[in-house]
Amino acid sequence: MSGLYQRAMAQQALEARRHRYLRRQRVLLLVFAITTVLGYLLLVG
């Protein structure tokens, strides 16, 4: 029983870490897109 519980906890920790990683990736992508658009507008304008 305790082994199953430990495995479930490890799985949950893995999921949380992956969710945090994906959210950070999305934020970095958003920042990159914004800076790209701003740089393009500055160059063109």
PDB file of N, CA and C in Angstrom:
ATOM      1  N   MET A   1       0.833  -1.197   0.000  1.00  0.00           N
ATOM      2  CA  MET A   1       0.000   0.000   0.000  1.00  0.00           C
ATOM      3  C   MET A   1       0.871   1.251   0.000  1.00  0.00           C
ATOM      4  N   SER A   2       1.891   1.273   0.877  1.00  0.00           N
ATOM      5  CA  SER A   2       2.728   2.464   0.972  1.00  0.00           C
ATOM      6  C   SER A   2       3.548   2.643  -0.311  1.00  0.00           C
ATOM      7  N   GLY A   3       3.937   1.522  -0.939  1.00  0.00           N
ATOM      8  CA  GLY A   3       4.691   1.620  -2.186  1.00  0.00           C
ATOM      9  C   GLY A   3       3.857   2.269  -3.274  1.00  0.00           C
ATOM     10  N   LEU A   4       2.592   1.874  -3.346  1.00  0.00           N
ATOM     11  CA  LEU A   4       1.681   2.451  -4.333  1.00  0.00           C
ATOM     12  C   LEU A   4       1.510   3.943  -4.067  1.00  0.00           C
ATOM     13  N   TYR A   5       1.397   4.295  -2.785  1.00  0.00           N
ATOM     14  CA  TYR A   5       1.226   5.698  -2.396  1.00  0.00           C
ATOM     15  C   TYR A   5       2.452   6.520  -2.801  1.00  0.00           C
ATOM     16  N   GLN A   6       3.644   5.939  -2.549  1.00  0.00           N
ATOM     17  CA  GLN A   6       4.872   6.646  -2.911  1.00  0.00           C
ATOM     18  C   GLN A   6       4.949   6.856  -4.415  1.00  0.00           C
ATOM     19  N   ARG A   7       4.535   5.832  -5.171  1.00  0.00           N
ATOM     20  CA  ARG A   7       4.580   5.945  -6.628  1.00  0.00           C
ATOM     21  C   ARG A   7       3.614   7.020  -7.111  1.00  0.00           C
ATOM     22  N   ALA A   8       2.433   7.084  -6.483  1.00  0.00           N
ATOM     23  CA  ALA A   8       1.448   8.101  -6.856  1.00  0.00           C
ATOM     24  C   ALA A   8       1.990   9.497  -6.557  1.00  0.00           C
ATOM     25  N   MET A   9       2.655   9.647  -5.422  1.00  0.00           N
ATOM     26  CA  MET A   9       3.219  10.946  -5.059  1.00  0.00           C
ATOM     27  C   MET A   9       4.318  11.351  -6.039  1.00  0.00           C
ATOM     28  N   ALA A  10       5.157  10.385  -6.424  1.00  0.00           N
ATOM     29  CA  ALA A  10       6.223  10.670  -7.383  1.00  0.00           C
ATOM     30  C   ALA A  10       5.622  11.084  -8.724  1.00  0.00           C
ATOM     31  N   GLN A  11       4.560  10.394  -9.137  1.00  0.00           N
ATOM     32  CA  GLN A  11       3.896  10.717 -10.399  1.00  0.00           C
ATOM     33  C   GLN A  11       3.325  12.133 -10.341  1.00  0.00           C
ATOM     34  N   GLN A  12       2.731  12.477  -9.201  1.00  0.00           N
ATOM     35  CA  GLN A  12       2.142  13.808  -9.041  1.00  0.00           C
ATOM     36  C   GLN A  12       3.226  14.888  -9.105  1.00  0.00           C
ATOM     37  N   ALA A  13       4.371  14.618  -8.463  1.00  0.00           N
ATOM     38  CA  ALA A  13       5.474  15.574  -8.481  1.00  0.00           C
ATOM     39  C   ALA A  13       5.980  15.756  -9.908  1.00  0.00           C
ATOM     40  N   LEU A  14       6.062  14.658 -10.656  1.00  0.00           N
ATOM     41  CA  LEU A  14       6.513  14.715 -12.043  1.00  0.00           C
ATOM     42  C   LEU A  14       5.555  15.558 -12.875  1.00  0.00           C
ATOM     43  N   GLU A  15       4.254  15.346 -12.682  1.00  0.00           N
ATOM     44  CA  GLU A  15       3.240  16.117 -13.412  1.00  0.00           C
ATOM     45  C   GLU A  15       3.371  17.604 -13.103  1.00  0.00           C
ATOM     46  N   ALA A  16       3.530  17.932 -11.818  1.00  0.00           N
ATOM     47  CA  ALA A  16       3.638  19.335 -11.416  1.00  0.00           C
ATOM     48  C   ALA A  16       4.868  19.975 -12.051  1.00  0.00           C
ATOM     49  N   ARG A  17       5.985  19.233 -12.052  1.00  0.00           N
ATOM     50  CA  ARG A  17       7.210  19.768 -12.638  1.00  0.00           C
ATOM     51  C   ARG A  17       7.025  20.012 -14.132  1.00  0.00           C
ATOM     52  N   ARG A  18       6.342  19.058 -14.806  1.00  0.00           N
ATOM     53  CA  ARG A  18       6.142  19.216 -16.244  1.00  0.00           C
ATOM     54  C   ARG A  18       5.227  20.397 -16.546  1.00  0.00           C
ATOM     55  N   HIS A  19       4.173  20.567 -15.737  1.00  0.00           N
ATOM     56  CA  HIS A  19       3.259  21.689 -15.945  1.00  0.00           C
ATOM     57  C   HIS A  19       3.995  23.015 -15.770  1.00  0.00           C
ATOM     58  N   ARG A  20       4.831  23.089 -14.735  1.00  0.00           N
ATOM     59  CA  ARG A  20       5.592  24.311 -14.490  1.00  0.00           C
ATOM     60  C   ARG A  20       6.524  24.587 -15.666  1.00  0.00           C
ATOM     61  N   TYR A  21       7.172  23.524 -16.184  1.00  0.00           N
ATOM     62  CA  TYR A  21       8.090  23.668 -17.309  1.00  0.00           C
ATOM     63  C   TYR A  21       7.355  24.177 -18.543  1.00  0.00           C
ATOM     64  N   LEU A  22       6.171  23.594 -18.821  1.00  0.00           N
ATOM     65  CA  LEU A  22       5.404  24.012 -19.990  1.00  0.00           C
ATOM     66  C   LEU A  22       4.960  25.459 -19.856  1.00  0.00           C
ATOM     67  N   ARG A  23       4.550  25.852 -18.649  1.00  0.00           N
ATOM     68  CA  ARG A  23       4.098  27.227 -18.453  1.00  0.00           C
ATOM     69  C   ARG A  23       5.266  28.200 -18.673  1.00  0.00           C
ATOM     70  N   ARG A  24       6.461  27.831 -18.197  1.00  0.00           N
ATOM     71  CA  ARG A  24       7.623  28.691 -18.394  1.00  0.00           C
ATOM     72  C   ARG A  24       7.965  28.791 -19.881  1.00  0.00           C
ATOM     73  N   GLN A  25       7.855  27.665 -20.600  1.00  0.00           N
ATOM     74  CA  GLN A  25       8.117  27.674 -22.031  1.00  0.00           C
ATOM     75  C   GLN A  25       7.159  28.621 -22.743  1.00  0.00           C
ATOM     76  N   ARG A  26       5.866  28.575 -22.347  1.00  0.00           N
ATOM     77  CA  ARG A  26       4.863  29.421 -22.991  1.00  0.00           C
ATOM     78  C   ARG A  26       5.170  30.894 -22.739  1.00  0.00           C
ATOM     79  N   VAL A  27       5.587  31.216 -21.503  1.00  0.00           N
ATOM     80  CA  VAL A  27       5.917  32.605 -21.169  1.00  0.00           C
ATOM     81  C   VAL A  27       7.119  33.073 -21.984  1.00  0.00           C
ATOM     82  N   LEU A  28       8.142  32.216 -22.097  1.00  0.00           N
ATOM     83  CA  LEU A  28       9.323  32.587 -22.869  1.00  0.00           C
ATOM     84  C   LEU A  28       8.961  32.806 -24.330  1.00  0.00           C
ATOM     85  N   LEU A  29       8.094  31.944 -24.866  1.00  0.00           N
ATOM     86  CA  LEU A  29       7.667  32.067 -26.257  1.00  0.00           C
ATOM     87  C   LEU A  29       6.911  33.374 -26.463  1.00  0.00           C
ATOM     88  N   LEU A  30       6.052  33.718 -25.506  1.00  0.00           N
ATOM     89  CA  LEU A  30       5.271  34.954 -25.588  1.00  0.00           C
ATOM     90  C   LEU A  30       6.198  36.171 -25.566  1.00  0.00           C
ATOM     91  N   VAL A  31       7.169  36.165 -24.657  1.00  0.00           N
ATOM     92  CA  VAL A  31       8.124  37.275 -24.573  1.00  0.00           C
ATOM     93  C   VAL A  31       8.918  37.385 -25.868  1.00  0.00           C
ATOM     94  N   PHE A  32       9.339  36.254 -26.410  1.00  0.00           N
ATOM     95  CA  PHE A  32      10.095  36.247 -27.662  1.00  0.00           C
ATOM     96  C   PHE A  32       9.264  36.829 -28.801  1.00  0.00           C
ATOM     97  N   ALA A  33       7.982  36.441 -28.885  1.00  0.00           N
ATOM     98  CA  ALA A  33       7.108  36.949 -29.944  1.00  0.00           C
ATOM     99  C   ALA A  33       6.916  38.456 -29.813  1.00  0.00           C
ATOM    100  N   ILE A  34       6.703  38.921 -28.585  1.00  0.00           N
ATOM    101  CA  ILE A  34       6.489  40.358 -28.365  1.00  0.00           C
ATOM    102  C   ILE A  34       7.737  41.154 -28.741  1.00  0.00           C
ATOM    103  N   THR A  35       8.893  40.691 -28.318  1.00  0.00           N
ATOM    104  CA  THR A  35      10.122  41.416 -28.640  1.00  0.00           C
ATOM    105  C   THR A  35      10.383  41.397 -30.143  1.00  0.00           C
ATOM    106  N   THR A  36      10.052  40.285 -30.807  1.00  0.00           N
ATOM    107  CA  THR A  36      10.232  40.196 -32.255  1.00  0.00           C
ATOM    108  C   THR A  36       9.346  41.207 -32.963  1.00  0.00           C
ATOM    109  N   VAL A  37       8.076  41.262 -32.563  1.00  0.00           N
ATOM    110  CA  VAL A  37       7.136  42.203 -33.184  1.00  0.00           C
ATOM    111  C   VAL A  37       7.575  43.643 -32.930  1.00  0.00           C
ATOM    112  N   LEU A  38       7.975  43.944 -31.698  1.00  0.00           N
ATOM    113  CA  LEU A  38       8.409  45.306 -31.375  1.00  0.00           C
ATOM    114  C   LEU A  38       9.659  45.680 -32.166  1.00  0.00           C
ATOM    115  N   GLY A  39      10.602  44.757 -32.260  1.00  0.00           N
ATOM    116  CA  GLY A  39      11.812  45.025 -33.030  1.00  0.00           C
ATOM    117  C   GLY A  39      11.490  45.255 -34.497  1.00  0.00           C
ATOM    118  N   TYR A  40      10.574  44.468 -35.034  1.00  0.00           N
ATOM    119  CA  TYR A  40      10.168  44.621 -36.432  1.00  0.00           C
ATOM    120  C   TYR A  40       9.520  45.986 -36.652  1.00  0.00           C
ATOM    121  N   LEU A  41       8.630  46.372 -35.738  1.00  0.00           N
ATOM    122  CA  LEU A  41       7.963  47.678 -35.858  1.00  0.00           C
ATOM    123  C   LEU A  41       8.976  48.815 -35.760  1.00  0.00           C
ATOM    124  N   LEU A  42       9.949  48.673 -34.864  1.00  0.00           N
ATOM    125  CA  LEU A  42      10.969  49.709 -34.727  1.00  0.00           C
ATOM    126  C   LEU A  42      11.804  49.809 -36.000  1.00  0.00           C
ATOM    127  N   LEU A  43      12.154  48.667 -36.584  1.00  0.00           N
ATOM    128  CA  LEU A  43      12.948  48.675 -37.809  1.00  0.00           C
ATOM    129  C   LEU A  43      12.159  49.267 -38.965  1.00  0.00           C
ATOM    130  N   VAL A  44      10.907  48.861 -39.101  1.00  0.00           N
ATOM    131  CA  VAL A  44      10.078  49.332 -40.211  1.00  0.00           C
ATOM    132  C   VAL A  44       9.697  50.793 -40.010  1.00  0.00           C
ATOM    133  N   GLY A  45       9.235  51.125 -38.803  1.00  0.00           N
ATOM    134  CA  GLY A  45       8.791  52.485 -38.534  1.00  0.00           C
ATOM    135  C   GLY A  45       9.999  53.390 -38.386  1.00  0.00           C
TER     136      GLY A  45
END
